[in-house]
Amino acid sequence: MDLLLQIALFLLLGVVLHSLDSFLGTALYRGWYNMTHKDPLPAGERRGFLQQQPLRVRLFWALALTGLAAIAVLISGTFFQDTTRILLNLLAMLVGLLAGFLLAPSILAAFPAKWKKASRYLEETERMSPQANAAPPPKAASAAAPSSAPATAPSPALAPASVASAPAPSPEKPAPTPPPEKPAPAPPPEIPDWRKGVDDFLNKP
C-alpha cells in the first residue's frame, strides 16, 4: 500500500514538473536548441524539455531524477541500512515520474477552461514574440495626429476692420548712389635744368 501511495505522489510530481516545463521550460529549451542546432526551432512550435518530447526523452529525465535521488541517499549513508526499502522507493519514484510525464498532457487537458486559456495565451505570446522583437518602421514627420479642434475661420464682419487698421506699407527708399570717383591729379610739369642748357651751348661747335 505504501508503494502505491509513493507511486501516486511521484506521479503527481511528474505532472507538476511537466506543467512547469510547459510554462517556463519552453523558452529555455528554445534558447538551448537554437544554440546547439544549425536551424533554429520554428516560431510556432512549443517544445520543452518534456513538452512534445518522445518517450525516450521523458524516460531519460525520469532516470536522471531517480539517479540524483540515489546519489543523495548514498551520500547520506542510509542506503545500506535498509537497502530493500530504499530500492523499492527508487523504483516507485522512477515509475511514478515516468507515468506523470506521460499522463500529464491528458490530465492537464481535463482541467477547467482557465488552464486551456492560459495555454493558448502562452502559444500566442511565443508566436508573436519574433514580430514584437522586430524594430517598428520609422514614422514620417508629416504623419502627426490631426488636431481635434477645427480651425476657426475669421468672421466676415471683422475682416474689413482688421484690413483697415493694418498700417500701410511705407514706400521703399531708393538705394543711395555712390559718389563719383575723383580723377587722379596730373603729375607736375617737368622743369628743364639750366645747367644742362649751358653745357649744351658751350659744347656746341
N, C-alpha and C. Protein backbone atom coordinates (compact mmCIF):
# COMPACT_ATOMS: atom_id res chain seq x y z
N MET A 1 0.83 -1.21 0.00
CA MET A 1 0.00 0.00 0.00
C MET A 1 0.87 1.26 0.00
N ASP A 2 1.94 1.20 0.80
CA ASP A 2 2.85 2.34 0.81
C ASP A 2 3.50 2.55 -0.54
N LEU A 3 3.79 1.45 -1.22
CA LEU A 3 4.42 1.57 -2.54
C LEU A 3 3.48 2.26 -3.53
N LEU A 4 2.19 1.92 -3.52
CA LEU A 4 1.22 2.55 -4.42
C LEU A 4 1.05 4.03 -4.09
N LEU A 5 1.07 4.35 -2.79
CA LEU A 5 0.97 5.75 -2.41
C LEU A 5 2.18 6.55 -2.89
N GLN A 6 3.35 5.97 -2.79
CA GLN A 6 4.54 6.64 -3.28
C GLN A 6 4.48 6.83 -4.80
N ILE A 7 4.00 5.82 -5.51
CA ILE A 7 3.87 5.95 -6.96
C ILE A 7 2.90 7.08 -7.31
N ALA A 8 1.78 7.16 -6.57
CA ALA A 8 0.81 8.23 -6.83
C ALA A 8 1.41 9.61 -6.55
N LEU A 9 2.19 9.72 -5.46
CA LEU A 9 2.81 11.00 -5.15
C LEU A 9 3.84 11.40 -6.21
N PHE A 10 4.64 10.46 -6.66
CA PHE A 10 5.62 10.77 -7.70
C PHE A 10 4.94 11.04 -9.04
N LEU A 11 3.80 10.40 -9.28
CA LEU A 11 3.03 10.71 -10.49
C LEU A 11 2.55 12.16 -10.45
N LEU A 12 2.06 12.58 -9.28
CA LEU A 12 1.65 13.97 -9.15
C LEU A 12 2.84 14.92 -9.34
N LEU A 13 4.00 14.52 -8.82
CA LEU A 13 5.19 15.34 -9.01
C LEU A 13 5.57 15.42 -10.49
N GLY A 14 5.41 14.32 -11.21
CA GLY A 14 5.70 14.35 -12.65
C GLY A 14 4.76 15.27 -13.40
N VAL A 15 3.48 15.28 -13.01
CA VAL A 15 2.53 16.19 -13.66
C VAL A 15 2.90 17.65 -13.39
N VAL A 16 3.29 17.93 -12.14
CA VAL A 16 3.67 19.30 -11.80
C VAL A 16 4.92 19.73 -12.57
N LEU A 17 5.90 18.84 -12.67
CA LEU A 17 7.11 19.18 -13.42
C LEU A 17 6.81 19.38 -14.90
N HIS A 18 5.91 18.58 -15.44
CA HIS A 18 5.53 18.74 -16.84
C HIS A 18 4.82 20.07 -17.07
N SER A 19 3.94 20.45 -16.13
CA SER A 19 3.23 21.72 -16.28
C SER A 19 4.19 22.90 -16.17
N LEU A 20 5.15 22.81 -15.26
CA LEU A 20 6.15 23.88 -15.16
C LEU A 20 7.00 23.96 -16.43
N ASP A 21 7.28 22.82 -17.00
CA ASP A 21 8.05 22.82 -18.25
C ASP A 21 7.26 23.45 -19.38
N SER A 22 5.94 23.24 -19.40
CA SER A 22 5.12 23.84 -20.46
C SER A 22 5.03 25.35 -20.31
N PHE A 23 5.20 25.87 -19.08
CA PHE A 23 5.13 27.31 -18.86
C PHE A 23 6.51 27.97 -18.98
N LEU A 24 7.51 27.39 -18.30
CA LEU A 24 8.82 28.02 -18.21
C LEU A 24 9.88 27.34 -19.05
N GLY A 25 9.76 26.03 -19.23
CA GLY A 25 10.83 25.31 -19.92
C GLY A 25 10.86 25.50 -21.41
N THR A 26 9.75 25.95 -22.01
CA THR A 26 9.74 26.10 -23.47
C THR A 26 10.70 27.20 -23.92
N ALA A 27 10.72 28.31 -23.19
CA ALA A 27 11.64 29.40 -23.57
C ALA A 27 13.10 28.97 -23.36
N LEU A 28 13.38 28.27 -22.27
CA LEU A 28 14.75 27.80 -22.04
C LEU A 28 15.16 26.77 -23.08
N TYR A 29 14.23 25.88 -23.43
CA TYR A 29 14.56 24.87 -24.43
C TYR A 29 14.79 25.50 -25.80
N ARG A 30 14.01 26.54 -26.13
CA ARG A 30 14.20 27.21 -27.42
C ARG A 30 15.59 27.85 -27.50
N GLY A 31 16.00 28.52 -26.41
CA GLY A 31 17.34 29.11 -26.42
C GLY A 31 18.44 28.06 -26.53
N TRP A 32 18.28 26.94 -25.78
CA TRP A 32 19.28 25.87 -25.86
C TRP A 32 19.28 25.23 -27.24
N TYR A 33 18.11 25.02 -27.82
CA TYR A 33 18.02 24.39 -29.14
C TYR A 33 18.66 25.29 -30.21
N ASN A 34 18.40 26.58 -30.16
CA ASN A 34 18.95 27.49 -31.17
C ASN A 34 20.47 27.61 -31.05
N MET A 35 21.01 27.42 -29.84
CA MET A 35 22.46 27.48 -29.68
C MET A 35 23.15 26.20 -30.13
N THR A 36 22.48 25.07 -30.01
CA THR A 36 23.12 23.78 -30.30
C THR A 36 22.73 23.20 -31.65
N HIS A 37 21.86 23.86 -32.41
CA HIS A 37 21.44 23.35 -33.72
C HIS A 37 21.68 24.41 -34.78
N LYS A 38 21.90 23.94 -35.98
CA LYS A 38 22.14 24.87 -37.09
C LYS A 38 20.88 25.61 -37.46
N ASP A 39 19.77 24.89 -37.56
CA ASP A 39 18.49 25.51 -37.90
C ASP A 39 17.72 25.81 -36.62
N PRO A 40 17.23 27.04 -36.42
CA PRO A 40 16.50 27.36 -35.17
C PRO A 40 15.15 26.67 -35.13
N LEU A 41 14.61 26.59 -33.94
CA LEU A 41 13.29 25.99 -33.75
C LEU A 41 12.22 26.89 -34.37
N PRO A 42 11.26 26.33 -35.10
CA PRO A 42 10.22 27.18 -35.70
C PRO A 42 9.49 28.01 -34.66
N ALA A 43 9.04 29.18 -35.10
CA ALA A 43 8.45 30.14 -34.16
C ALA A 43 7.15 29.61 -33.56
N GLY A 44 6.34 28.90 -34.32
CA GLY A 44 5.04 28.47 -33.81
C GLY A 44 5.07 27.16 -33.05
N GLU A 45 6.23 26.55 -32.87
CA GLU A 45 6.32 25.24 -32.22
C GLU A 45 6.68 25.43 -30.76
N ARG A 46 5.83 24.88 -29.86
CA ARG A 46 6.06 24.94 -28.42
C ARG A 46 6.61 23.60 -27.96
N ARG A 47 7.91 23.56 -27.74
CA ARG A 47 8.56 22.33 -27.31
C ARG A 47 9.45 22.66 -26.13
N GLY A 48 9.40 21.80 -25.13
CA GLY A 48 10.22 21.98 -23.94
C GLY A 48 11.06 20.75 -23.67
N PHE A 49 11.61 20.67 -22.49
CA PHE A 49 12.40 19.50 -22.14
C PHE A 49 11.52 18.27 -21.95
N LEU A 50 10.25 18.48 -21.63
CA LEU A 50 9.28 17.38 -21.54
C LEU A 50 8.12 17.58 -22.50
N GLN A 51 7.79 18.83 -22.78
CA GLN A 51 6.66 19.15 -23.66
C GLN A 51 6.96 18.70 -25.08
N GLN A 52 6.03 17.88 -25.63
CA GLN A 52 6.13 17.39 -27.01
C GLN A 52 7.44 16.66 -27.26
N GLN A 53 7.87 15.85 -26.30
CA GLN A 53 9.09 15.06 -26.45
C GLN A 53 8.71 13.57 -26.52
N PRO A 54 9.53 12.77 -27.21
CA PRO A 54 9.21 11.33 -27.30
C PRO A 54 9.44 10.61 -25.97
N LEU A 55 9.09 9.33 -25.97
CA LEU A 55 9.17 8.52 -24.74
C LEU A 55 10.59 8.42 -24.23
N ARG A 56 11.57 8.28 -25.11
CA ARG A 56 12.95 8.10 -24.66
C ARG A 56 13.47 9.33 -23.92
N VAL A 57 13.03 10.53 -24.34
CA VAL A 57 13.47 11.75 -23.65
C VAL A 57 12.83 11.82 -22.26
N ARG A 58 11.56 11.48 -22.15
CA ARG A 58 10.89 11.51 -20.84
C ARG A 58 11.47 10.45 -19.91
N LEU A 59 11.81 9.29 -20.49
CA LEU A 59 12.45 8.24 -19.68
C LEU A 59 13.83 8.69 -19.20
N PHE A 60 14.53 9.40 -20.05
CA PHE A 60 15.85 9.91 -19.65
C PHE A 60 15.72 10.84 -18.44
N TRP A 61 14.77 11.75 -18.46
CA TRP A 61 14.62 12.69 -17.34
C TRP A 61 14.15 11.96 -16.08
N ALA A 62 13.29 10.96 -16.22
CA ALA A 62 12.87 10.18 -15.05
C ALA A 62 14.06 9.44 -14.44
N LEU A 63 14.91 8.85 -15.31
CA LEU A 63 16.09 8.15 -14.81
C LEU A 63 17.09 9.13 -14.19
N ALA A 64 17.20 10.33 -14.79
CA ALA A 64 18.14 11.31 -14.24
C ALA A 64 17.71 11.77 -12.85
N LEU A 65 16.43 12.05 -12.66
CA LEU A 65 15.96 12.47 -11.34
C LEU A 65 16.08 11.34 -10.32
N THR A 66 15.78 10.11 -10.74
CA THR A 66 15.93 8.97 -9.83
C THR A 66 17.39 8.74 -9.48
N GLY A 67 18.28 8.93 -10.46
CA GLY A 67 19.71 8.78 -10.18
C GLY A 67 20.21 9.83 -9.20
N LEU A 68 19.72 11.07 -9.34
CA LEU A 68 20.11 12.10 -8.37
C LEU A 68 19.64 11.75 -6.96
N ALA A 69 18.42 11.20 -6.85
CA ALA A 69 17.93 10.78 -5.54
C ALA A 69 18.77 9.64 -4.98
N ALA A 70 19.18 8.70 -5.83
CA ALA A 70 20.02 7.59 -5.36
C ALA A 70 21.38 8.08 -4.89
N ILE A 71 21.96 9.06 -5.59
CA ILE A 71 23.24 9.62 -5.17
C ILE A 71 23.10 10.31 -3.81
N ALA A 72 21.99 11.03 -3.63
CA ALA A 72 21.77 11.69 -2.34
C ALA A 72 21.65 10.68 -1.21
N VAL A 73 20.98 9.54 -1.48
CA VAL A 73 20.84 8.50 -0.44
C VAL A 73 22.20 7.88 -0.13
N LEU A 74 23.02 7.65 -1.16
CA LEU A 74 24.34 7.06 -0.92
C LEU A 74 25.23 8.01 -0.13
N ILE A 75 25.13 9.30 -0.43
CA ILE A 75 25.96 10.25 0.31
C ILE A 75 25.51 10.34 1.78
N SER A 76 24.20 10.24 2.00
CA SER A 76 23.72 10.32 3.39
C SER A 76 24.08 9.08 4.22
N GLY A 77 24.39 7.96 3.57
CA GLY A 77 24.79 6.75 4.29
C GLY A 77 23.66 5.87 4.75
N THR A 78 22.43 6.16 4.35
CA THR A 78 21.28 5.35 4.78
C THR A 78 20.94 4.24 3.78
N PHE A 79 21.70 4.16 2.70
CA PHE A 79 21.35 3.16 1.68
C PHE A 79 21.54 1.74 2.20
N PHE A 80 22.62 1.51 2.94
CA PHE A 80 22.94 0.16 3.38
C PHE A 80 22.21 -0.20 4.68
N GLN A 81 21.50 0.73 5.27
CA GLN A 81 20.73 0.40 6.47
C GLN A 81 19.48 -0.37 6.13
N ASP A 82 18.78 0.02 5.07
CA ASP A 82 17.57 -0.70 4.64
C ASP A 82 17.56 -0.69 3.11
N THR A 83 18.38 -1.51 2.53
CA THR A 83 18.61 -1.49 1.08
C THR A 83 17.34 -1.83 0.32
N THR A 84 16.59 -2.80 0.79
CA THR A 84 15.40 -3.23 0.05
C THR A 84 14.36 -2.12 -0.01
N ARG A 85 14.11 -1.49 1.12
CA ARG A 85 13.10 -0.43 1.14
C ARG A 85 13.52 0.75 0.27
N ILE A 86 14.79 1.10 0.30
CA ILE A 86 15.26 2.23 -0.49
C ILE A 86 15.19 1.91 -1.98
N LEU A 87 15.51 0.67 -2.35
CA LEU A 87 15.40 0.29 -3.77
C LEU A 87 13.95 0.34 -4.24
N LEU A 88 13.02 -0.09 -3.38
CA LEU A 88 11.61 -0.01 -3.75
C LEU A 88 11.16 1.45 -3.88
N ASN A 89 11.66 2.29 -2.99
CA ASN A 89 11.32 3.71 -3.09
C ASN A 89 11.85 4.32 -4.39
N LEU A 90 13.06 3.96 -4.75
CA LEU A 90 13.63 4.48 -6.01
C LEU A 90 12.86 3.94 -7.21
N LEU A 91 12.43 2.68 -7.14
CA LEU A 91 11.63 2.13 -8.23
C LEU A 91 10.29 2.83 -8.33
N ALA A 92 9.66 3.10 -7.17
CA ALA A 92 8.40 3.83 -7.18
C ALA A 92 8.57 5.24 -7.74
N MET A 93 9.70 5.86 -7.42
CA MET A 93 9.97 7.19 -7.96
C MET A 93 10.11 7.15 -9.47
N LEU A 94 10.84 6.17 -9.99
CA LEU A 94 11.02 6.06 -11.44
C LEU A 94 9.71 5.82 -12.15
N VAL A 95 8.90 4.88 -11.64
CA VAL A 95 7.62 4.56 -12.28
C VAL A 95 6.66 5.74 -12.18
N GLY A 96 6.59 6.38 -11.01
CA GLY A 96 5.67 7.49 -10.84
C GLY A 96 6.03 8.69 -11.70
N LEU A 97 7.32 9.03 -11.76
CA LEU A 97 7.72 10.16 -12.59
C LEU A 97 7.45 9.89 -14.07
N LEU A 98 7.79 8.71 -14.53
CA LEU A 98 7.56 8.39 -15.94
C LEU A 98 6.08 8.41 -16.27
N ALA A 99 5.26 7.86 -15.36
CA ALA A 99 3.81 7.88 -15.59
C ALA A 99 3.29 9.32 -15.57
N GLY A 100 3.81 10.14 -14.68
CA GLY A 100 3.38 11.54 -14.65
C GLY A 100 3.77 12.29 -15.91
N PHE A 101 4.99 12.04 -16.42
CA PHE A 101 5.42 12.69 -17.65
C PHE A 101 4.55 12.27 -18.84
N LEU A 102 4.13 11.03 -18.85
CA LEU A 102 3.34 10.52 -19.98
C LEU A 102 1.87 10.93 -19.88
N LEU A 103 1.33 10.95 -18.67
CA LEU A 103 -0.10 11.24 -18.49
C LEU A 103 -0.39 12.72 -18.26
N ALA A 104 0.65 13.53 -18.13
CA ALA A 104 0.44 14.95 -17.84
C ALA A 104 -0.39 15.66 -18.90
N PRO A 105 -0.13 15.47 -20.22
CA PRO A 105 -0.98 16.17 -21.20
C PRO A 105 -2.46 15.82 -21.08
N SER A 106 -2.78 14.54 -20.84
CA SER A 106 -4.18 14.15 -20.71
C SER A 106 -4.79 14.69 -19.42
N ILE A 107 -4.03 14.69 -18.33
CA ILE A 107 -4.56 15.19 -17.07
C ILE A 107 -4.78 16.71 -17.14
N LEU A 108 -3.83 17.42 -17.73
CA LEU A 108 -3.97 18.87 -17.84
C LEU A 108 -5.08 19.27 -18.79
N ALA A 109 -5.35 18.42 -19.79
CA ALA A 109 -6.43 18.73 -20.73
C ALA A 109 -7.79 18.63 -20.05
N ALA A 110 -7.90 17.85 -18.95
CA ALA A 110 -9.17 17.72 -18.24
C ALA A 110 -9.40 18.84 -17.23
N PHE A 111 -8.45 19.77 -17.11
CA PHE A 111 -8.62 20.88 -16.18
C PHE A 111 -9.67 21.85 -16.70
N PRO A 112 -10.08 22.83 -15.88
CA PRO A 112 -11.07 23.82 -16.32
C PRO A 112 -10.57 24.65 -17.50
N ALA A 113 -11.47 25.47 -18.00
CA ALA A 113 -11.16 26.25 -19.21
C ALA A 113 -10.06 27.27 -18.95
N LYS A 114 -9.82 27.66 -17.70
CA LYS A 114 -8.79 28.66 -17.42
C LYS A 114 -7.42 28.12 -17.80
N TRP A 115 -7.21 26.84 -17.55
CA TRP A 115 -5.92 26.25 -17.92
C TRP A 115 -5.73 26.27 -19.43
N LYS A 116 -6.80 25.97 -20.16
CA LYS A 116 -6.70 26.00 -21.61
C LYS A 116 -6.47 27.41 -22.12
N LYS A 117 -7.14 28.40 -21.49
CA LYS A 117 -6.92 29.79 -21.90
C LYS A 117 -5.47 30.21 -21.64
N ALA A 118 -4.93 29.76 -20.51
CA ALA A 118 -3.53 30.09 -20.22
C ALA A 118 -2.58 29.46 -21.22
N SER A 119 -2.88 28.23 -21.64
CA SER A 119 -2.04 27.57 -22.63
C SER A 119 -2.12 28.29 -23.97
N ARG A 120 -3.35 28.68 -24.37
CA ARG A 120 -3.48 29.40 -25.64
C ARG A 120 -2.79 30.76 -25.57
N TYR A 121 -2.86 31.40 -24.41
CA TYR A 121 -2.18 32.70 -24.27
C TYR A 121 -0.68 32.54 -24.42
N LEU A 122 -0.13 31.47 -23.84
CA LEU A 122 1.31 31.24 -23.97
C LEU A 122 1.69 30.94 -25.42
N GLU A 123 0.85 30.18 -26.12
CA GLU A 123 1.14 29.88 -27.51
C GLU A 123 1.12 31.16 -28.36
N GLU A 124 0.12 32.02 -28.14
CA GLU A 124 0.06 33.27 -28.91
C GLU A 124 1.23 34.19 -28.58
N THR A 125 1.64 34.20 -27.31
CA THR A 125 2.77 35.04 -26.92
C THR A 125 4.05 34.58 -27.60
N GLU A 126 4.30 33.27 -27.62
CA GLU A 126 5.50 32.77 -28.26
C GLU A 126 5.45 32.93 -29.77
N ARG A 127 4.22 32.87 -30.35
CA ARG A 127 4.10 33.03 -31.80
C ARG A 127 4.35 34.47 -32.22
N MET A 128 3.94 35.42 -31.38
CA MET A 128 4.08 36.83 -31.72
C MET A 128 5.39 37.43 -31.23
N SER A 129 6.18 36.69 -30.46
CA SER A 129 7.42 37.26 -29.94
C SER A 129 8.42 37.63 -31.02
N PRO A 130 8.59 36.85 -32.13
CA PRO A 130 9.52 37.31 -33.18
C PRO A 130 9.06 38.60 -33.83
N GLN A 131 7.73 38.81 -33.97
CA GLN A 131 7.25 40.05 -34.56
C GLN A 131 7.44 41.22 -33.62
N ALA A 132 7.33 40.98 -32.30
CA ALA A 132 7.50 42.08 -31.35
C ALA A 132 8.95 42.51 -31.25
N ASN A 133 9.90 41.57 -31.50
CA ASN A 133 11.31 41.92 -31.42
C ASN A 133 11.78 42.73 -32.61
N ALA A 134 11.03 42.67 -33.74
CA ALA A 134 11.42 43.44 -34.91
C ALA A 134 11.23 44.92 -34.66
N ALA A 135 12.15 45.73 -35.18
CA ALA A 135 12.09 47.19 -34.96
C ALA A 135 10.94 47.76 -35.75
N PRO A 136 10.11 48.66 -35.18
CA PRO A 136 9.00 49.26 -35.92
C PRO A 136 9.52 50.20 -36.97
N PRO A 137 8.81 50.35 -38.12
CA PRO A 137 9.26 51.25 -39.17
C PRO A 137 9.20 52.69 -38.71
N PRO A 138 10.16 53.53 -39.16
CA PRO A 138 10.15 54.93 -38.72
C PRO A 138 8.95 55.66 -39.27
N LYS A 139 8.34 56.47 -38.42
CA LYS A 139 7.16 57.22 -38.82
C LYS A 139 7.58 58.52 -39.47
N ALA A 140 6.86 58.90 -40.51
CA ALA A 140 7.16 60.15 -41.19
C ALA A 140 6.78 61.32 -40.31
N ALA A 141 7.50 62.44 -40.50
CA ALA A 141 7.24 63.60 -39.65
C ALA A 141 5.88 64.21 -39.94
N SER A 142 5.40 64.01 -41.19
CA SER A 142 4.11 64.59 -41.56
C SER A 142 2.92 63.77 -41.12
N ALA A 143 3.19 62.63 -40.46
CA ALA A 143 2.09 61.76 -40.06
C ALA A 143 1.63 62.08 -38.66
N ALA A 144 1.69 63.32 -38.26
CA ALA A 144 1.22 63.71 -36.92
C ALA A 144 -0.28 63.63 -36.85
N ALA A 145 -0.79 63.39 -35.64
CA ALA A 145 -2.24 63.26 -35.46
C ALA A 145 -2.91 64.59 -35.68
N PRO A 146 -4.00 64.63 -36.42
CA PRO A 146 -4.70 65.91 -36.64
C PRO A 146 -5.33 66.40 -35.36
N SER A 147 -5.41 67.71 -35.22
CA SER A 147 -5.98 68.30 -34.02
C SER A 147 -7.48 68.08 -34.00
N SER A 148 -7.99 67.81 -32.80
CA SER A 148 -9.42 67.54 -32.68
C SER A 148 -10.25 68.80 -32.85
N ALA A 149 -9.69 69.97 -32.53
CA ALA A 149 -10.45 71.21 -32.65
C ALA A 149 -10.27 71.79 -34.05
N PRO A 150 -11.32 72.00 -34.83
CA PRO A 150 -11.17 72.54 -36.18
C PRO A 150 -10.75 73.99 -36.12
N ALA A 151 -10.00 74.40 -37.16
CA ALA A 151 -9.53 75.79 -37.22
C ALA A 151 -10.71 76.71 -37.49
N THR A 152 -10.83 77.80 -36.71
CA THR A 152 -11.94 78.74 -36.84
C THR A 152 -11.62 79.77 -37.90
N ALA A 153 -12.53 79.96 -38.84
CA ALA A 153 -12.33 80.95 -39.90
C ALA A 153 -12.63 82.33 -39.36
N PRO A 154 -11.94 83.36 -39.83
CA PRO A 154 -12.20 84.72 -39.33
C PRO A 154 -13.58 85.19 -39.73
N SER A 155 -14.21 85.96 -38.84
CA SER A 155 -15.56 86.45 -39.09
C SER A 155 -15.54 87.48 -40.21
N PRO A 156 -16.50 87.40 -41.16
CA PRO A 156 -16.50 88.37 -42.27
C PRO A 156 -16.75 89.78 -41.78
N ALA A 157 -17.42 89.98 -40.63
CA ALA A 157 -17.68 91.34 -40.16
C ALA A 157 -16.42 91.99 -39.64
N LEU A 158 -15.50 91.19 -39.10
CA LEU A 158 -14.28 91.75 -38.55
C LEU A 158 -13.18 91.86 -39.56
N ALA A 159 -13.33 91.23 -40.75
CA ALA A 159 -12.26 91.23 -41.73
C ALA A 159 -11.96 92.62 -42.25
N PRO A 160 -12.96 93.48 -42.67
CA PRO A 160 -12.61 94.81 -43.17
C PRO A 160 -11.94 95.66 -42.10
N ALA A 161 -12.42 95.55 -40.85
CA ALA A 161 -11.81 96.37 -39.80
C ALA A 161 -10.35 96.03 -39.60
N SER A 162 -10.06 94.73 -39.65
CA SER A 162 -8.67 94.34 -39.47
C SER A 162 -7.81 94.79 -40.62
N VAL A 163 -8.41 94.80 -41.84
CA VAL A 163 -7.65 95.27 -43.01
C VAL A 163 -7.41 96.76 -42.91
N ALA A 164 -8.44 97.50 -42.45
CA ALA A 164 -8.30 98.95 -42.38
C ALA A 164 -7.34 99.36 -41.29
N SER A 165 -7.34 98.63 -40.19
CA SER A 165 -6.46 99.01 -39.09
C SER A 165 -5.01 98.67 -39.35
N ALA A 166 -4.75 97.87 -40.36
CA ALA A 166 -3.38 97.49 -40.64
C ALA A 166 -2.64 98.67 -41.22
N PRO A 167 -1.45 99.01 -40.77
CA PRO A 167 -0.71 100.17 -41.31
C PRO A 167 -0.30 99.93 -42.74
N ALA A 168 -0.35 101.04 -43.53
CA ALA A 168 0.03 100.94 -44.94
C ALA A 168 1.53 100.76 -45.04
N PRO A 169 1.96 99.92 -45.94
CA PRO A 169 3.40 99.71 -46.09
C PRO A 169 4.09 100.96 -46.58
N SER A 170 5.18 101.32 -45.97
CA SER A 170 5.94 102.51 -46.37
C SER A 170 6.63 102.27 -47.69
N PRO A 171 6.70 103.32 -48.54
CA PRO A 171 7.37 103.13 -49.84
C PRO A 171 8.85 102.89 -49.64
N GLU A 172 9.34 102.05 -50.46
CA GLU A 172 10.75 101.71 -50.36
C GLU A 172 11.61 102.87 -50.83
N LYS A 173 12.63 103.23 -50.07
CA LYS A 173 13.55 104.30 -50.43
C LYS A 173 14.60 103.78 -51.40
N PRO A 174 14.92 104.61 -52.42
CA PRO A 174 15.97 104.14 -53.37
C PRO A 174 17.32 104.07 -52.67
N ALA A 175 18.07 103.13 -53.09
CA ALA A 175 19.40 102.96 -52.50
C ALA A 175 20.28 104.14 -52.88
N PRO A 176 21.04 104.70 -51.95
CA PRO A 176 21.92 105.85 -52.28
C PRO A 176 22.99 105.47 -53.28
N THR A 177 23.17 106.39 -54.27
CA THR A 177 24.18 106.13 -55.30
C THR A 177 25.55 106.50 -54.76
N PRO A 178 26.55 105.75 -55.05
CA PRO A 178 27.90 106.07 -54.57
C PRO A 178 28.44 107.32 -55.24
N PRO A 179 29.22 108.15 -54.56
CA PRO A 179 29.79 109.36 -55.17
C PRO A 179 30.75 109.02 -56.30
N PRO A 180 30.79 109.88 -57.33
CA PRO A 180 31.70 109.59 -58.47
C PRO A 180 33.15 109.66 -58.02
N GLU A 181 33.92 108.79 -58.61
CA GLU A 181 35.34 108.75 -58.28
C GLU A 181 36.06 109.98 -58.84
N LYS A 182 36.93 110.61 -58.02
CA LYS A 182 37.69 111.77 -58.44
C LYS A 182 38.87 111.33 -59.29
N PRO A 183 39.15 112.08 -60.40
CA PRO A 183 40.30 111.69 -61.24
C PRO A 183 41.60 111.91 -60.49
N ALA A 184 42.55 111.09 -60.81
CA ALA A 184 43.85 111.21 -60.16
C ALA A 184 44.53 112.50 -60.58
N PRO A 185 45.20 113.24 -59.71
CA PRO A 185 45.87 114.50 -60.07
C PRO A 185 46.98 114.29 -61.08
N ALA A 186 47.07 115.21 -62.07
CA ALA A 186 48.10 115.11 -63.11
C ALA A 186 49.47 115.39 -62.52
N PRO A 187 50.49 114.73 -62.98
CA PRO A 187 51.83 114.96 -62.45
C PRO A 187 52.29 116.37 -62.82
N PRO A 188 53.08 117.04 -61.99
CA PRO A 188 53.57 118.41 -62.28
C PRO A 188 54.48 118.41 -63.50
N PRO A 189 54.45 119.51 -64.30
CA PRO A 189 55.31 119.56 -65.50
C PRO A 189 56.78 119.56 -65.11
N GLU A 190 57.53 118.92 -65.93
CA GLU A 190 58.98 118.79 -65.67
C GLU A 190 59.68 120.11 -66.00
N ILE A 191 60.40 120.67 -65.06
CA ILE A 191 61.15 121.94 -65.25
C ILE A 191 62.55 121.60 -65.77
N PRO A 192 62.93 122.14 -66.97
CA PRO A 192 64.27 121.82 -67.50
C PRO A 192 65.37 122.42 -66.65
N ASP A 193 66.44 121.70 -66.52
CA ASP A 193 67.60 122.14 -65.72
C ASP A 193 68.44 123.13 -66.57
N TRP A 194 68.75 124.36 -66.03
CA TRP A 194 69.50 125.39 -66.77
C TRP A 194 70.95 125.00 -66.96
N ARG A 195 71.45 124.15 -66.08
CA ARG A 195 72.84 123.75 -66.23
C ARG A 195 73.03 122.91 -67.48
N LYS A 196 72.04 122.10 -67.75
CA LYS A 196 72.15 121.28 -68.95
C LYS A 196 72.14 122.14 -70.20
N GLY A 197 71.33 123.23 -70.18
CA GLY A 197 71.32 124.12 -71.35
C GLY A 197 72.64 124.84 -71.57
N VAL A 198 73.30 125.23 -70.45
CA VAL A 198 74.60 125.88 -70.56
C VAL A 198 75.62 124.95 -71.09
N ASP A 199 75.60 123.70 -70.64
CA ASP A 199 76.59 122.74 -71.14
C ASP A 199 76.39 122.48 -72.61
N ASP A 200 75.13 122.41 -73.05
CA ASP A 200 74.90 122.19 -74.49
C ASP A 200 75.40 123.35 -75.31
N PHE A 201 75.25 124.60 -74.80
CA PHE A 201 75.68 125.77 -75.56
C PHE A 201 77.21 125.84 -75.66
N LEU A 202 77.91 125.48 -74.55
CA LEU A 202 79.36 125.55 -74.59
C LEU A 202 79.97 124.45 -75.43
N ASN A 203 79.37 123.37 -75.46
CA ASN A 203 79.89 122.24 -76.23
C ASN A 203 79.50 122.32 -77.66
N LYS A 204 78.75 123.28 -78.01
CA LYS A 204 78.29 123.39 -79.39
C LYS A 204 79.46 123.82 -80.26
N PRO A 205 79.83 123.22 -81.41
CA PRO A 205 80.99 123.58 -82.25
C PRO A 205 80.76 124.87 -82.99
